[in-house]
Amino acid sequence: MSVILLVVEQDEDQMKYLPTIRKSTNLGFSEIKKRIENGSPIMECNLFEDDEDDTKLKKLINELKNVGAKIRLFDGELVKNKEVSIEYLMNRLDRYKEIQRQNEMLDDLMYGED
């Protein structure tokens, strides 16, 4: 599965992002500030490995967008050609959920509901 790296770009409003990031990552304020300043990921998520982590990533992205943070997403490593758009990631997450739902429906039809 893919590892998604979430990077928040440094700007003059980064102090207002800290509580949101801390709530989702449990990183300390100084660590979050250091990662933003260094361009390091504030969160890494193995996609589709744990539904809770996928949900947490999606929620953090939406909350950061709502407070005006500039975020960048990378698939596996921090190189330009591995950058992915928010829309691409959200479509992947939504499609995965849809496939799960369809598989459950198919299982119910084939094996009956328990």
PDB file of N, CA and C in Angstrom:
ATOM      1  N   MET A   1       0.827  -1.192   0.000  1.00  0.00           N
ATOM      2  CA  MET A   1       0.000   0.000   0.000  1.00  0.00           C
ATOM      3  C   MET A   1       0.870   1.254   0.000  1.00  0.00           C
ATOM      4  N   SER A   2       0.276   2.352  -0.326  1.00  0.00           N
ATOM      5  CA  SER A   2       0.972   3.624  -0.393  1.00  0.00           C
ATOM      6  C   SER A   2       1.125   4.253   0.983  1.00  0.00           C
ATOM      7  N   VAL A   3       2.244   4.927   1.157  1.00  0.00           N
ATOM      8  CA  VAL A   3       2.444   5.751   2.344  1.00  0.00           C
ATOM      9  C   VAL A   3       2.273   7.195   1.894  1.00  0.00           C
ATOM     10  N   ILE A   4       1.324   7.886   2.492  1.00  0.00           N
ATOM     11  CA  ILE A   4       1.080   9.291   2.159  1.00  0.00           C
ATOM     12  C   ILE A   4       1.755  10.162   3.210  1.00  0.00           C
ATOM     13  N   LEU A   5       2.530  11.130   2.737  1.00  0.00           N
ATOM     14  CA  LEU A   5       3.220  12.082   3.602  1.00  0.00           C
ATOM     15  C   LEU A   5       2.514  13.427   3.493  1.00  0.00           C
ATOM     16  N   LEU A   6       2.151  13.996   4.629  1.00  0.00           N
ATOM     17  CA  LEU A   6       1.457  15.285   4.674  1.00  0.00           C
ATOM     18  C   LEU A   6       2.420  16.351   5.159  1.00  0.00           C
ATOM     19  N   VAL A   7       2.652  17.345   4.304  1.00  0.00           N
ATOM     20  CA  VAL A   7       3.563  18.444   4.618  1.00  0.00           C
ATOM     21  C   VAL A   7       2.760  19.740   4.639  1.00  0.00           C
ATOM     22  N   VAL A   8       2.967  20.550   5.674  1.00  0.00           N
ATOM     23  CA  VAL A   8       2.340  21.865   5.752  1.00  0.00           C
ATOM     24  C   VAL A   8       3.405  22.898   5.406  1.00  0.00           C
ATOM     25  N   GLU A   9       3.095  23.744   4.442  1.00  0.00           N
ATOM     26  CA  GLU A   9       4.044  24.776   4.040  1.00  0.00           C
ATOM     27  C   GLU A   9       4.089  25.885   5.075  1.00  0.00           C
ATOM     28  N   GLN A  10       5.292  26.393   5.289  1.00  0.00           N
ATOM     29  CA  GLN A  10       5.496  27.446   6.266  1.00  0.00           C
ATOM     30  C   GLN A  10       4.915  28.763   5.746  1.00  0.00           C
ATOM     31  N   ASP A  11       4.196  29.465   6.618  1.00  0.00           N
ATOM     32  CA  ASP A  11       3.694  30.802   6.315  1.00  0.00           C
ATOM     33  C   ASP A  11       3.508  31.572   7.612  1.00  0.00           C
ATOM     34  N   GLU A  12       3.042  32.806   7.521  1.00  0.00           N
ATOM     35  CA  GLU A  12       2.916  33.651   8.709  1.00  0.00           C
ATOM     36  C   GLU A  12       1.759  33.224   9.621  1.00  0.00           C
ATOM     37  N   ASP A  13       0.858  32.382   9.143  1.00  0.00           N
ATOM     38  CA  ASP A  13      -0.290  31.946   9.943  1.00  0.00           C
ATOM     39  C   ASP A  13      -0.117  30.571  10.574  1.00  0.00           C
ATOM     40  N   GLN A  14       1.083  30.023  10.540  1.00  0.00           N
ATOM     41  CA  GLN A  14       1.263  28.637  10.982  1.00  0.00           C
ATOM     42  C   GLN A  14       0.893  28.414  12.447  1.00  0.00           C
ATOM     43  N   MET A  15       0.928  29.450  13.272  1.00  0.00           N
ATOM     44  CA  MET A  15       0.575  29.283  14.685  1.00  0.00           C
ATOM     45  C   MET A  15      -0.880  28.829  14.854  1.00  0.00           C
ATOM     46  N   LYS A  16      -1.760  29.252  13.952  1.00  0.00           N
ATOM     47  CA  LYS A  16      -3.161  28.852  14.086  1.00  0.00           C
ATOM     48  C   LYS A  16      -3.398  27.412  13.634  1.00  0.00           C
ATOM     49  N   TYR A  17      -2.423  26.793  12.958  1.00  0.00           N
ATOM     50  CA  TYR A  17      -2.559  25.391  12.548  1.00  0.00           C
ATOM     51  C   TYR A  17      -2.127  24.423  13.644  1.00  0.00           C
ATOM     52  N   LEU A  18      -1.303  24.898  14.562  1.00  0.00           N
ATOM     53  CA  LEU A  18      -0.700  24.016  15.555  1.00  0.00           C
ATOM     54  C   LEU A  18      -1.714  23.212  16.378  1.00  0.00           C
ATOM     55  N   PRO A  19      -2.767  23.837  16.931  1.00  0.00           N
ATOM     56  CA  PRO A  19      -3.725  23.033  17.718  1.00  0.00           C
ATOM     57  C   PRO A  19      -4.403  21.929  16.903  1.00  0.00           C
ATOM     58  N   THR A  20      -4.739  22.244  15.656  1.00  0.00           N
ATOM     59  CA  THR A  20      -5.373  21.253  14.785  1.00  0.00           C
ATOM     60  C   THR A  20      -4.438  20.082  14.530  1.00  0.00           C
ATOM     61  N   ILE A  21      -3.184  20.400  14.235  1.00  0.00           N
ATOM     62  CA  ILE A  21      -2.207  19.350  13.950  1.00  0.00           C
ATOM     63  C   ILE A  21      -1.933  18.533  15.208  1.00  0.00           C
ATOM     64  N   ARG A  22      -1.786  19.204  16.325  1.00  0.00           N
ATOM     65  CA  ARG A  22      -1.473  18.499  17.575  1.00  0.00           C
ATOM     66  C   ARG A  22      -2.585  17.526  17.948  1.00  0.00           C
ATOM     67  N   LYS A  23      -3.826  17.963  17.769  1.00  0.00           N
ATOM     68  CA  LYS A  23      -4.982  17.125  18.107  1.00  0.00           C
ATOM     69  C   LYS A  23      -4.989  15.831  17.286  1.00  0.00           C
ATOM     70  N   SER A  24      -4.554  15.923  16.031  1.00  0.00           N
ATOM     71  CA  SER A  24      -4.597  14.757  15.148  1.00  0.00           C
ATOM     72  C   SER A  24      -3.349  13.893  15.194  1.00  0.00           C
ATOM     73  N   THR A  25      -2.218  14.480  15.585  1.00  0.00           N
ATOM     74  CA  THR A  25      -0.961  13.737  15.510  1.00  0.00           C
ATOM     75  C   THR A  25      -0.345  13.424  16.861  1.00  0.00           C
ATOM     76  N   ASN A  26      -0.759  14.123  17.900  1.00  0.00           N
ATOM     77  CA  ASN A  26      -0.169  14.003  19.238  1.00  0.00           C
ATOM     78  C   ASN A  26       1.292  14.433  19.287  1.00  0.00           C
ATOM     79  N   LEU A  27       1.741  15.180  18.290  1.00  0.00           N
ATOM     80  CA  LEU A  27       3.081  15.760  18.331  1.00  0.00           C
ATOM     81  C   LEU A  27       3.045  17.008  19.201  1.00  0.00           C
ATOM     82  N   GLY A  28       4.168  17.337  19.827  1.00  0.00           N
ATOM     83  CA  GLY A  28       4.264  18.565  20.609  1.00  0.00           C
ATOM     84  C   GLY A  28       4.353  19.780  19.699  1.00  0.00           C
ATOM     85  N   PHE A  29       4.025  20.955  20.246  1.00  0.00           N
ATOM     86  CA  PHE A  29       4.060  22.183  19.455  1.00  0.00           C
ATOM     87  C   PHE A  29       5.437  22.443  18.859  1.00  0.00           C
ATOM     88  N   SER A  30       6.496  22.248  19.641  1.00  0.00           N
ATOM     89  CA  SER A  30       7.841  22.528  19.129  1.00  0.00           C
ATOM     90  C   SER A  30       8.206  21.569  17.994  1.00  0.00           C
ATOM     91  N   GLU A  31       7.794  20.318  18.100  1.00  0.00           N
ATOM     92  CA  GLU A  31       8.061  19.348  17.037  1.00  0.00           C
ATOM     93  C   GLU A  31       7.291  19.700  15.763  1.00  0.00           C
ATOM     94  N   ILE A  32       6.041  20.115  15.926  1.00  0.00           N
ATOM     95  CA  ILE A  32       5.233  20.510  14.768  1.00  0.00           C
ATOM     96  C   ILE A  32       5.870  21.710  14.077  1.00  0.00           C
ATOM     97  N   LYS A  33       6.248  22.728  14.870  1.00  0.00           N
ATOM     98  CA  LYS A  33       6.876  23.927  14.298  1.00  0.00           C
ATOM     99  C   LYS A  33       8.160  23.563  13.567  1.00  0.00           C
ATOM    100  N   LYS A  34       8.960  22.690  14.159  1.00  0.00           N
ATOM    101  CA  LYS A  34      10.218  22.277  13.538  1.00  0.00           C
ATOM    102  C   LYS A  34       9.957  21.570  12.205  1.00  0.00           C
ATOM    103  N   ARG A  35       8.973  20.689  12.195  1.00  0.00           N
ATOM    104  CA  ARG A  35       8.670  19.963  10.957  1.00  0.00           C
ATOM    105  C   ARG A  35       8.152  20.896   9.865  1.00  0.00           C
ATOM    106  N   ILE A  36       7.324  21.860  10.242  1.00  0.00           N
ATOM    107  CA  ILE A  36       6.834  22.822   9.252  1.00  0.00           C
ATOM    108  C   ILE A  36       8.003  23.641   8.707  1.00  0.00           C
ATOM    109  N   GLU A  37       8.868  24.121   9.595  1.00  0.00           N
ATOM    110  CA  GLU A  37      10.011  24.930   9.166  1.00  0.00           C
ATOM    111  C   GLU A  37      10.968  24.149   8.274  1.00  0.00           C
ATOM    112  N   ASN A  38      11.140  22.851   8.546  1.00  0.00           N
ATOM    113  CA  ASN A  38      12.064  22.018   7.770  1.00  0.00           C
ATOM    114  C   ASN A  38      11.426  21.402   6.528  1.00  0.00           C
ATOM    115  N   GLY A  39      10.129  21.558   6.375  1.00  0.00           N
ATOM    116  CA  GLY A  39       9.438  20.935   5.249  1.00  0.00           C
ATOM    117  C   GLY A  39       9.302  19.433   5.407  1.00  0.00           C
ATOM    118  N   SER A  40       9.340  18.973   6.659  1.00  0.00           N
ATOM    119  CA  SER A  40       9.197  17.544   6.952  1.00  0.00           C
ATOM    120  C   SER A  40       7.723  17.188   7.117  1.00  0.00           C
ATOM    121  N   PRO A  41       7.369  15.943   6.889  1.00  0.00           N
ATOM    122  CA  PRO A  41       5.961  15.538   7.052  1.00  0.00           C
ATOM    123  C   PRO A  41       5.501  15.673   8.504  1.00  0.00           C
ATOM    124  N   ILE A  42       4.297  16.182   8.673  1.00  0.00           N
ATOM    125  CA  ILE A  42       3.705  16.241  10.011  1.00  0.00           C
ATOM    126  C   ILE A  42       2.903  14.974  10.290  1.00  0.00           C
ATOM    127  N   MET A  43       2.627  14.225   9.212  1.00  0.00           N
ATOM    128  CA  MET A  43       1.886  12.970   9.373  1.00  0.00           C
ATOM    129  C   MET A  43       2.250  12.037   8.227  1.00  0.00           C
ATOM    130  N   GLU A  44       2.381  10.762   8.567  1.00  0.00           N
ATOM    131  CA  GLU A  44       2.566   9.716   7.571  1.00  0.00           C
ATOM    132  C   GLU A  44       1.451   8.707   7.781  1.00  0.00           C
ATOM    133  N   CYS A  45       0.856   8.261   6.687  1.00  0.00           N
ATOM    134  CA  CYS A  45      -0.263   7.327   6.791  1.00  0.00           C
ATOM    135  C   CYS A  45      -0.108   6.229   5.747  1.00  0.00           C
ATOM    136  N   ASN A  46      -0.156   4.991   6.196  1.00  0.00           N
ATOM    137  CA  ASN A  46      -0.191   3.848   5.285  1.00  0.00           C
ATOM    138  C   ASN A  46      -1.637   3.686   4.825  1.00  0.00           C
ATOM    139  N   LEU A  47      -1.889   4.087   3.603  1.00  0.00           N
ATOM    140  CA  LEU A  47      -3.261   4.060   3.097  1.00  0.00           C
ATOM    141  C   LEU A  47      -3.842   2.656   3.101  1.00  0.00           C
ATOM    142  N   PHE A  48      -5.087   2.569   3.478  1.00  0.00           N
ATOM    143  CA  PHE A  48      -5.905   1.356   3.426  1.00  0.00           C
ATOM    144  C   PHE A  48      -5.442   0.267   4.386  1.00  0.00           C
ATOM    145  N   GLU A  49      -4.496   0.577   5.254  1.00  0.00           N
ATOM    146  CA  GLU A  49      -4.044  -0.403   6.236  1.00  0.00           C
ATOM    147  C   GLU A  49      -4.932  -0.379   7.475  1.00  0.00           C
ATOM    148  N   ASP A  50      -5.373   0.828   7.838  1.00  0.00           N
ATOM    149  CA  ASP A  50      -6.205   1.002   9.026  1.00  0.00           C
ATOM    150  C   ASP A  50      -7.229   2.099   8.729  1.00  0.00           C
ATOM    151  N   ASP A  51      -8.500   1.739   8.763  1.00  0.00           N
ATOM    152  CA  ASP A  51      -9.563   2.701   8.453  1.00  0.00           C
ATOM    153  C   ASP A  51      -9.501   3.931   9.347  1.00  0.00           C
ATOM    154  N   GLU A  52      -9.131   3.738  10.600  1.00  0.00           N
ATOM    155  CA  GLU A  52      -9.057   4.857  11.544  1.00  0.00           C
ATOM    156  C   GLU A  52      -7.981   5.856  11.114  1.00  0.00           C
ATOM    157  N   ASP A  53      -6.831   5.364  10.671  1.00  0.00           N
ATOM    158  CA  ASP A  53      -5.759   6.255  10.207  1.00  0.00           C
ATOM    159  C   ASP A  53      -6.173   6.988   8.937  1.00  0.00           C
ATOM    160  N   ASP A  54      -6.837   6.292   8.019  1.00  0.00           N
ATOM    161  CA  ASP A  54      -7.313   6.938   6.793  1.00  0.00           C
ATOM    162  C   ASP A  54      -8.285   8.062   7.125  1.00  0.00           C
ATOM    163  N   THR A  55      -9.189   7.801   8.051  1.00  0.00           N
ATOM    164  CA  THR A  55     -10.175   8.803   8.463  1.00  0.00           C
ATOM    165  C   THR A  55      -9.487   9.990   9.129  1.00  0.00           C
ATOM    166  N   LYS A  56      -8.503   9.699   9.969  1.00  0.00           N
ATOM    167  CA  LYS A  56      -7.764  10.762  10.657  1.00  0.00           C
ATOM    168  C   LYS A  56      -7.023  11.655   9.649  1.00  0.00           C
ATOM    169  N   LEU A  57      -6.413  11.044   8.633  1.00  0.00           N
ATOM    170  CA  LEU A  57      -5.710  11.805   7.595  1.00  0.00           C
ATOM    171  C   LEU A  57      -6.693  12.689   6.830  1.00  0.00           C
ATOM    172  N   LYS A  58      -7.796  12.112   6.425  1.00  0.00           N
ATOM    173  CA  LYS A  58      -8.805  12.866   5.670  1.00  0.00           C
ATOM    174  C   LYS A  58      -9.340  14.039   6.490  1.00  0.00           C
ATOM    175  N   LYS A  59      -9.614  13.785   7.752  1.00  0.00           N
ATOM    176  CA  LYS A  59     -10.128  14.833   8.640  1.00  0.00           C
ATOM    177  C   LYS A  59      -9.098  15.947   8.825  1.00  0.00           C
ATOM    178  N   LEU A  60      -7.833  15.584   9.033  1.00  0.00           N
ATOM    179  CA  LEU A  60      -6.782  16.584   9.219  1.00  0.00           C
ATOM    180  C   LEU A  60      -6.626  17.439   7.971  1.00  0.00           C
ATOM    181  N   ILE A  61      -6.629  16.821   6.810  1.00  0.00           N
ATOM    182  CA  ILE A  61      -6.514  17.580   5.560  1.00  0.00           C
ATOM    183  C   ILE A  61      -7.654  18.582   5.448  1.00  0.00           C
ATOM    184  N   ASN A  62      -8.880  18.139   5.700  1.00  0.00           N
ATOM    185  CA  ASN A  62     -10.033  19.040   5.596  1.00  0.00           C
ATOM    186  C   ASN A  62      -9.971  20.170   6.614  1.00  0.00           C
ATOM    187  N   GLU A  63      -9.561  19.855   7.856  1.00  0.00           N
ATOM    188  CA  GLU A  63      -9.455  20.895   8.879  1.00  0.00           C
ATOM    189  C   GLU A  63      -8.367  21.911   8.525  1.00  0.00           C
ATOM    190  N   LEU A  64      -7.238  21.444   8.034  1.00  0.00           N
ATOM    191  CA  LEU A  64      -6.160  22.364   7.657  1.00  0.00           C
ATOM    192  C   LEU A  64      -6.572  23.232   6.474  1.00  0.00           C
ATOM    193  N   LYS A  65      -7.265  22.660   5.498  1.00  0.00           N
ATOM    194  CA  LYS A  65      -7.763  23.456   4.377  1.00  0.00           C
ATOM    195  C   LYS A  65      -8.714  24.534   4.867  1.00  0.00           C
ATOM    196  N   ASN A  66      -9.572  24.185   5.838  1.00  0.00           N
ATOM    197  CA  ASN A  66     -10.559  25.131   6.342  1.00  0.00           C
ATOM    198  C   ASN A  66      -9.936  26.309   7.081  1.00  0.00           C
ATOM    199  N   VAL A  67      -8.756  26.117   7.685  1.00  0.00           N
ATOM    200  CA  VAL A  67      -8.098  27.232   8.373  1.00  0.00           C
ATOM    201  C   VAL A  67      -7.080  27.928   7.473  1.00  0.00           C
ATOM    202  N   GLY A  68      -7.013  27.522   6.204  1.00  0.00           N
ATOM    203  CA  GLY A  68      -6.182  28.227   5.232  1.00  0.00           C
ATOM    204  C   GLY A  68      -4.754  27.728   5.092  1.00  0.00           C
ATOM    205  N   ALA A  69      -4.455  26.571   5.623  1.00  0.00           N
ATOM    206  CA  ALA A  69      -3.094  26.040   5.515  1.00  0.00           C
ATOM    207  C   ALA A  69      -2.827  25.584   4.082  1.00  0.00           C
ATOM    208  N   LYS A  70      -1.592  25.779   3.667  1.00  0.00           N
ATOM    209  CA  LYS A  70      -1.154  25.260   2.372  1.00  0.00           C
ATOM    210  C   LYS A  70      -0.494  23.919   2.637  1.00  0.00           C
ATOM    211  N   ILE A  71      -1.091  22.873   2.092  1.00  0.00           N
ATOM    212  CA  ILE A  71      -0.550  21.539   2.355  1.00  0.00           C
ATOM    213  C   ILE A  71      -0.118  20.883   1.043  1.00  0.00           C
ATOM    214  N   ARG A  72       0.833  19.984   1.205  1.00  0.00           N
ATOM    215  CA  ARG A  72       1.319  19.197   0.072  1.00  0.00           C
ATOM    216  C   ARG A  72       1.303  17.731   0.493  1.00  0.00           C
ATOM    217  N   LEU A  73       0.948  16.882  -0.450  1.00  0.00           N
ATOM    218  CA  LEU A  73       0.868  15.455  -0.195  1.00  0.00           C
ATOM    219  C   LEU A  73       1.836  14.729  -1.121  1.00  0.00           C
ATOM    220  N   PHE A  74       2.516  13.744  -0.573  1.00  0.00           N
ATOM    221  CA  PHE A  74       3.474  12.968  -1.352  1.00  0.00           C
ATOM    222  C   PHE A  74       3.179  11.489  -1.175  1.00  0.00           C
ATOM    223  N   ASP A  75       3.387  10.750  -2.239  1.00  0.00           N
ATOM    224  CA  ASP A  75       3.153   9.306  -2.235  1.00  0.00           C
ATOM    225  C   ASP A  75       4.490   8.589  -2.056  1.00  0.00           C
ATOM    226  N   GLY A  76       4.807   8.280  -0.805  1.00  0.00           N
ATOM    227  CA  GLY A  76       5.986   7.474  -0.516  1.00  0.00           C
ATOM    228  C   GLY A  76       7.249   8.219  -0.167  1.00  0.00           C
ATOM    229  N   GLU A  77       7.567   9.272  -0.895  1.00  0.00           N
ATOM    230  CA  GLU A  77       8.789  10.016  -0.610  1.00  0.00           C
ATOM    231  C   GLU A  77       8.627  11.485  -0.991  1.00  0.00           C
ATOM    232  N   LEU A  78       9.468  12.313  -0.367  1.00  0.00           N
ATOM    233  CA  LEU A  78       9.368  13.763  -0.564  1.00  0.00           C
ATOM    234  C   LEU A  78      10.148  14.211  -1.798  1.00  0.00           C
ATOM    235  N   VAL A  79       9.672  13.819  -2.956  1.00  0.00           N
ATOM    236  CA  VAL A  79      10.270  14.282  -4.212  1.00  0.00           C
ATOM    237  C   VAL A  79       9.147  14.811  -5.095  1.00  0.00           C
ATOM    238  N   LYS A  80       9.485  15.799  -5.911  1.00  0.00           N
ATOM    239  CA  LYS A  80       8.482  16.513  -6.698  1.00  0.00           C
ATOM    240  C   LYS A  80       7.592  15.587  -7.524  1.00  0.00           C
ATOM    241  N   ASN A  81       8.193  14.574  -8.167  1.00  0.00           N
ATOM    242  CA  ASN A  81       7.375  13.728  -9.035  1.00  0.00           C
ATOM    243  C   ASN A  81       6.493  12.746  -8.258  1.00  0.00           C
ATOM    244  N   LYS A  82       6.594  12.731  -6.933  1.00  0.00           N
ATOM    245  CA  LYS A  82       5.733  11.880  -6.096  1.00  0.00           C
ATOM    246  C   LYS A  82       4.630  12.684  -5.418  1.00  0.00           C
ATOM    247  N   GLU A  83       4.542  13.980  -5.741  1.00  0.00           N
ATOM    248  CA  GLU A  83       3.495  14.805  -5.145  1.00  0.00           C
ATOM    249  C   GLU A  83       2.149  14.460  -5.775  1.00  0.00           C
ATOM    250  N   VAL A  84       1.115  14.378  -4.923  1.00  0.00           N
ATOM    251  CA  VAL A  84      -0.240  14.087  -5.396  1.00  0.00           C
ATOM    252  C   VAL A  84      -1.172  15.193  -4.908  1.00  0.00           C
ATOM    253  N   SER A  85      -2.254  15.375  -5.634  1.00  0.00           N
ATOM    254  CA  SER A  85      -3.209  16.422  -5.258  1.00  0.00           C
ATOM    255  C   SER A  85      -4.143  15.916  -4.165  1.00  0.00           C
ATOM    256  N   ILE A  86      -4.734  16.859  -3.466  1.00  0.00           N
ATOM    257  CA  ILE A  86      -5.728  16.525  -2.441  1.00  0.00           C
ATOM    258  C   ILE A  86      -6.906  15.802  -3.097  1.00  0.00           C
ATOM    259  N   GLU A  87      -7.320  16.302  -4.240  1.00  0.00           N
ATOM    260  CA  GLU A  87      -8.447  15.690  -4.950  1.00  0.00           C
ATOM    261  C   GLU A  87      -8.151  14.229  -5.302  1.00  0.00           C
ATOM    262  N   TYR A  88      -6.945  13.962  -5.768  1.00  0.00           N
ATOM    263  CA  TYR A  88      -6.543  12.595  -6.107  1.00  0.00           C
ATOM    264  C   TYR A  88      -6.627  11.692  -4.884  1.00  0.00           C
ATOM    265  N   LEU A  89      -6.077  12.158  -3.760  1.00  0.00           N
ATOM    266  CA  LEU A  89      -6.096  11.348  -2.546  1.00  0.00           C
ATOM    267  C   LEU A  89      -7.526  11.109  -2.070  1.00  0.00           C
ATOM    268  N   MET A  90      -8.342  12.145  -2.060  1.00  0.00           N
ATOM    269  CA  MET A  90      -9.729  11.995  -1.608  1.00  0.00           C
ATOM    270  C   MET A  90     -10.491  11.021  -2.508  1.00  0.00           C
ATOM    271  N   ASN A  91     -10.241  11.080  -3.812  1.00  0.00           N
ATOM    272  CA  ASN A  91     -10.885  10.141  -4.734  1.00  0.00           C
ATOM    273  C   ASN A  91     -10.447   8.705  -4.446  1.00  0.00           C
ATOM    274  N   ARG A  92      -9.168   8.517  -4.155  1.00  0.00           N
ATOM    275  CA  ARG A  92      -8.673   7.171  -3.818  1.00  0.00           C
ATOM    276  C   ARG A  92      -9.334   6.651  -2.546  1.00  0.00           C
ATOM    277  N   LEU A  93      -9.419   7.501  -1.529  1.00  0.00           N
ATOM    278  CA  LEU A  93     -10.046   7.095  -0.268  1.00  0.00           C
ATOM    279  C   LEU A  93     -11.526   6.769  -0.468  1.00  0.00           C
ATOM    280  N   ASP A  94     -12.222   7.625  -1.205  1.00  0.00           N
ATOM    281  CA  ASP A  94     -13.651   7.404  -1.446  1.00  0.00           C
ATOM    282  C   ASP A  94     -13.879   6.141  -2.268  1.00  0.00           C
ATOM    283  N   ARG A  95     -13.048   5.928  -3.264  1.00  0.00           N
ATOM    284  CA  ARG A  95     -13.192   4.735  -4.110  1.00  0.00           C
ATOM    285  C   ARG A  95     -12.935   3.462  -3.307  1.00  0.00           C
ATOM    286  N   TYR A  96     -11.952   3.503  -2.427  1.00  0.00           N
ATOM    287  CA  TYR A  96     -11.653   2.351  -1.584  1.00  0.00           C
ATOM    288  C   TYR A  96     -12.850   2.016  -0.687  1.00  0.00           C
ATOM    289  N   LYS A  97     -13.445   3.055  -0.100  1.00  0.00           N
ATOM    290  CA  LYS A  97     -14.629   2.848   0.755  1.00  0.00           C
ATOM    291  C   LYS A  97     -15.779   2.243  -0.058  1.00  0.00           C
ATOM    292  N   GLU A  98     -15.946   2.729  -1.278  1.00  0.00           N
ATOM    293  CA  GLU A  98     -17.013   2.220  -2.139  1.00  0.00           C
ATOM    294  C   GLU A  98     -16.770   0.743  -2.479  1.00  0.00           C
ATOM    295  N   ILE A  99     -15.539   0.381  -2.767  1.00  0.00           N
ATOM    296  CA  ILE A  99     -15.210  -1.020  -3.054  1.00  0.00           C
ATOM    297  C   ILE A  99     -15.468  -1.891  -1.833  1.00  0.00           C
ATOM    298  N   GLN A 100     -15.107  -1.409  -0.661  1.00  0.00           N
ATOM    299  CA  GLN A 100     -15.383  -2.156   0.570  1.00  0.00           C
ATOM    300  C   GLN A 100     -16.880  -2.391   0.746  1.00  0.00           C
ATOM    301  N   ARG A 101     -17.660  -1.344   0.517  1.00  0.00           N
ATOM    302  CA  ARG A 101     -19.112  -1.440   0.667  1.00  0.00           C
ATOM    303  C   ARG A 101     -19.687  -2.445  -0.334  1.00  0.00           C
ATOM    304  N   GLN A 102     -19.210  -2.385  -1.568  1.00  0.00           N
ATOM    305  CA  GLN A 102     -19.685  -3.320  -2.590  1.00  0.00           C
ATOM    306  C   GLN A 102     -19.303  -4.753  -2.251  1.00  0.00           C
ATOM    307  N   ASN A 103     -18.101  -4.948  -1.738  1.00  0.00           N
ATOM    308  CA  ASN A 103     -17.675  -6.299  -1.348  1.00  0.00           C
ATOM    309  C   ASN A 103     -18.529  -6.844  -0.213  1.00  0.00           C
ATOM    310  N   GLU A 104     -18.867  -5.995   0.741  1.00  0.00           N
ATOM    311  CA  GLU A 104     -19.727  -6.421   1.843  1.00  0.00           C
ATOM    312  C   GLU A 104     -21.109  -6.818   1.326  1.00  0.00           C
ATOM    313  N   MET A 105     -21.635  -6.018   0.400  1.00  0.00           N
ATOM    314  CA  MET A 105     -22.943  -6.336  -0.175  1.00  0.00           C
ATOM    315  C   MET A 105     -22.884  -7.671  -0.926  1.00  0.00           C
ATOM    316  N   LEU A 106     -21.822  -7.875  -1.680  1.00  0.00           N
ATOM    317  CA  LEU A 106     -21.662  -9.117  -2.421  1.00  0.00           C
ATOM    318  C   LEU A 106     -21.539 -10.309  -1.475  1.00  0.00           C
ATOM    319  N   ASP A 107     -20.773 -10.146  -0.411  1.00  0.00           N
ATOM    320  CA  ASP A 107     -20.639 -11.215   0.592  1.00  0.00           C
ATOM    321  C   ASP A 107     -21.990 -11.549   1.210  1.00  0.00           C
ATOM    322  N   ASP A 108     -22.762 -10.500   1.508  1.00  0.00           N
ATOM    323  CA  ASP A 108     -24.092 -10.728   2.093  1.00  0.00           C
ATOM    324  C   ASP A 108     -24.995 -11.494   1.134  1.00  0.00           C
ATOM    325  N   LEU A 109     -24.904 -11.161  -0.150  1.00  0.00           N
ATOM    326  CA  LEU A 109     -25.724 -11.857  -1.139  1.00  0.00           C
ATOM    327  C   LEU A 109     -25.276 -13.303  -1.321  1.00  0.00           C
ATOM    328  N   MET A 110     -23.972 -13.516  -1.325  1.00  0.00           N
ATOM    329  CA  MET A 110     -23.444 -14.861  -1.572  1.00  0.00           C
ATOM    330  C   MET A 110     -23.582 -15.775  -0.357  1.00  0.00           C
ATOM    331  N   TYR A 111     -23.330 -15.241   0.812  1.00  0.00           N
ATOM    332  CA  TYR A 111     -23.254 -16.087   2.010  1.00  0.00           C
ATOM    333  C   TYR A 111     -24.375 -15.822   3.007  1.00  0.00           C
ATOM    334  N   GLY A 112     -25.233 -14.890   2.686  1.00  0.00           N
ATOM    335  CA  GLY A 112     -26.318 -14.561   3.597  1.00  0.00           C
ATOM    336  C   GLY A 112     -25.832 -13.671   4.721  1.00  0.00           C
ATOM    337  N   GLU A 113     -26.746 -12.906   5.264  1.00  0.00           N
ATOM    338  CA  GLU A 113     -26.391 -12.021   6.375  1.00  0.00           C
ATOM    339  C   GLU A 113     -26.354 -12.828   7.651  1.00  0.00           C
ATOM    340  N   ASP A 114     -25.373 -12.513   8.492  1.00  0.00           N
ATOM    341  CA  ASP A 114     -25.235 -13.222   9.771  1.00  0.00           C
ATOM    342  C   ASP A 114     -26.092 -12.596  10.832  1.00  0.00           C
TER     343      ASP A 114
END
